[in-house]
């Protein structure tokens, strides 16, 4: 079965990239907002969050990946993690918008299916295999709940 493709004359990859960058930045903020009432990790596991653990695997120092700043009386805001968070969001939003220009099926459920796919790929398969997070069966239900629905909201 062949995938339906958008007519080449209707594709505009420059606009798709621009929209992806903007949507990715906004979506990163939405995902942050989701995690305030529904934090995905226990306080103990949040001491080193997945972006920090990933950077440590790449050889970055513990001191660097835990670099933080203060704002409005809030100390310990992890700016390195925030850069990774925004970078991930923007990259996958641009990927989504560019692929959607040619293959509209990626927009299934207004993009929510894409969020589920990203959650499965990273939180259930890739990060556990890399040792960034525990195996899926060793993660608490609350983490799966927060991350799954957070990714759906992030890409919707």
Protein backbone atom coordinates (compact mmCIF):
# COMPACT_ATOMS: atom_id res chain seq x y z
CA UNK A 1 0.00 0.00 0.00
CA UNK A 2 1.51 3.29 -1.11
CA UNK A 3 1.49 6.33 1.11
CA UNK A 4 -0.57 9.28 -0.04
CA UNK A 5 1.67 12.19 -0.97
CA UNK A 6 0.95 15.88 -1.23
CA UNK A 7 1.17 17.35 -4.72
CA UNK A 8 4.71 18.70 -5.25
CA UNK A 9 3.35 22.13 -6.22
CA UNK A 10 1.69 22.44 -2.80
CA UNK A 11 4.85 21.70 -0.79
CA UNK A 12 6.70 24.58 0.80
CA UNK A 13 9.63 23.31 2.83
CA UNK A 14 10.92 26.77 3.82
CA UNK A 15 7.62 27.63 5.45
CA UNK A 16 7.50 24.15 7.01
CA UNK A 17 10.92 24.70 8.61
CA UNK A 18 9.93 28.14 9.92
CA UNK A 19 6.66 26.81 11.30
CA UNK A 20 8.53 23.86 12.85
CA UNK A 21 11.01 26.14 14.64
CA UNK A 22 8.26 28.37 16.03
CA UNK A 23 5.94 25.48 16.92
CA UNK A 24 8.83 23.54 18.48
CA UNK A 25 9.74 26.46 20.75
CA UNK A 26 6.12 26.97 21.81
CA UNK A 27 5.62 23.22 22.26
CA UNK A 28 8.69 23.03 24.52
CA UNK A 29 7.05 25.61 26.78
CA UNK A 30 3.78 23.64 26.69
CA UNK A 31 5.64 20.47 27.72
CA UNK A 32 7.30 22.39 30.58
CA UNK A 33 3.87 23.58 31.67
CA UNK A 34 2.50 20.04 31.56
CA UNK A 35 5.24 18.84 33.91
CA UNK A 36 4.43 21.38 36.64
CA UNK A 37 1.21 19.67 37.83
CA UNK A 38 2.32 16.20 36.60
CA UNK A 39 6.08 15.85 37.18
CA UNK A 40 7.33 12.77 35.33
CA UNK A 41 10.07 11.82 37.77
CA UNK A 42 10.37 11.40 41.51
CA UNK A 43 12.51 14.05 43.23
CA UNK A 44 15.32 11.49 43.62
CA UNK A 45 15.35 10.65 39.91
CA UNK A 46 15.02 14.32 38.95
CA UNK A 47 18.39 15.14 40.56
CA UNK A 48 19.91 14.10 37.23
CA UNK A 49 17.22 14.39 34.57
CA UNK A 50 17.33 12.51 31.22
CA UNK A 51 18.94 15.37 29.24
CA UNK A 52 21.67 15.61 31.88
CA UNK A 53 22.21 11.83 31.95
CA UNK A 54 22.39 11.77 28.13
CA UNK A 55 25.00 14.54 28.06
CA UNK A 56 27.04 12.73 30.72
CA UNK A 57 27.00 9.62 28.48
CA UNK A 58 28.42 11.79 25.72
CA UNK A 59 31.30 12.76 28.00
CA UNK A 60 30.17 16.13 29.34
CA UNK A 61 31.14 16.76 32.95
CA UNK A 62 28.69 16.43 35.81
CA UNK A 63 29.51 20.01 36.77
CA UNK A 64 28.63 21.30 33.28
CA UNK A 65 25.38 19.36 32.81
CA UNK A 66 24.16 20.49 36.24
CA UNK A 67 24.94 24.17 35.55
CA UNK A 68 22.07 26.35 36.63
CA UNK A 69 20.91 29.92 37.05
CA UNK A 70 18.54 31.83 39.31
CA UNK A 71 15.50 33.83 38.26
CA UNK A 72 12.94 35.65 40.37
CA UNK A 73 14.13 33.96 43.56
CA UNK A 74 14.11 30.48 42.01
CA UNK A 75 17.52 28.85 42.27
CA UNK A 76 18.87 25.81 40.48
CA UNK A 77 17.18 26.27 37.09
CA UNK A 78 19.13 23.85 34.84
CA UNK A 79 19.92 25.91 31.75
CA UNK A 80 21.83 23.09 30.01
CA UNK A 81 18.80 20.79 30.35
CA UNK A 82 16.59 23.56 29.04
CA UNK A 83 18.75 23.92 25.91
CA UNK A 84 18.51 20.16 25.27
CA UNK A 85 14.75 20.26 25.94
CA UNK A 86 14.19 23.10 23.47
CA UNK A 87 16.59 21.60 20.93
CA UNK A 88 14.79 18.24 21.03
CA UNK A 89 11.41 19.92 20.70
CA UNK A 90 12.45 22.16 17.81
CA UNK A 91 14.24 19.34 15.95
CA UNK A 92 11.27 16.97 16.14
CA UNK A 93 8.78 19.74 15.32
CA UNK A 94 10.78 20.65 12.20
CA UNK A 95 10.98 16.96 11.27
CA UNK A 96 7.19 16.72 11.68
CA UNK A 97 6.40 19.81 9.61
CA UNK A 98 8.84 18.89 6.82
CA UNK A 99 7.59 15.28 6.60
CA UNK A 100 3.98 16.54 6.71
CA UNK A 101 4.63 18.58 3.58
CA UNK A 102 5.05 15.35 1.64
CA UNK A 103 3.31 12.68 3.73
CA UNK A 104 0.16 14.07 5.39
CA UNK A 105 -0.41 10.77 7.25
CA UNK A 106 2.03 11.97 9.93
CA UNK A 107 -0.73 14.38 11.03
CA UNK A 108 -2.88 11.47 12.29
CA UNK A 109 -5.02 12.59 15.24
CA UNK A 110 -3.82 16.18 14.68
CA UNK A 111 -0.24 15.12 15.45
CA UNK A 112 -1.03 13.21 18.65
CA UNK A 113 0.00 9.90 17.04
CA UNK A 114 3.41 11.45 16.29
CA UNK A 115 3.76 12.31 19.99
CA UNK A 116 2.91 8.73 20.96
CA UNK A 117 5.52 7.45 18.48
CA UNK A 118 8.19 9.82 19.89
CA UNK A 119 7.33 8.74 23.45
CA UNK A 120 7.60 5.04 22.56
CA UNK A 121 10.81 5.55 20.61
CA UNK A 122 12.60 7.55 23.29
CA UNK A 123 11.08 6.77 26.69
CA UNK A 124 10.27 3.10 26.12
CA UNK A 125 13.08 2.02 23.77
CA UNK A 126 16.07 4.31 23.13
CA UNK A 127 16.70 5.96 26.52
CA UNK A 128 16.28 2.70 28.49
CA UNK A 129 18.65 0.91 26.09
CA UNK A 130 21.18 3.71 26.58
CA UNK A 131 20.80 3.57 30.36
CA UNK A 132 19.53 7.16 30.53
CA UNK A 133 16.30 6.04 32.24
CA UNK A 134 15.36 2.70 33.83
CA UNK A 135 13.76 -0.07 31.80
CA UNK A 136 10.08 0.67 31.09
CA UNK A 137 8.88 -1.94 33.59
CA UNK A 138 11.07 -0.31 36.28
CA UNK A 139 9.64 3.16 35.70
CA UNK A 140 6.68 4.16 37.87
CA UNK A 141 3.24 4.38 36.29
CA UNK A 142 3.19 8.13 37.01
CA UNK A 143 6.26 8.63 34.82
CA UNK A 144 4.66 6.79 31.90
CA UNK A 145 1.40 8.69 32.41
CA UNK A 146 3.08 12.10 32.53
CA UNK A 147 5.43 11.43 29.62
CA UNK A 148 2.86 9.75 27.34
CA UNK A 149 0.20 12.42 27.74
CA UNK A 150 2.84 15.16 27.85
CA UNK A 151 4.09 14.03 24.45
CA UNK A 152 0.53 13.92 23.09
CA UNK A 153 -0.10 17.50 24.26
CA UNK A 154 3.38 18.53 23.01
CA UNK A 155 2.64 17.43 19.41
CA UNK A 156 -1.09 18.08 19.23
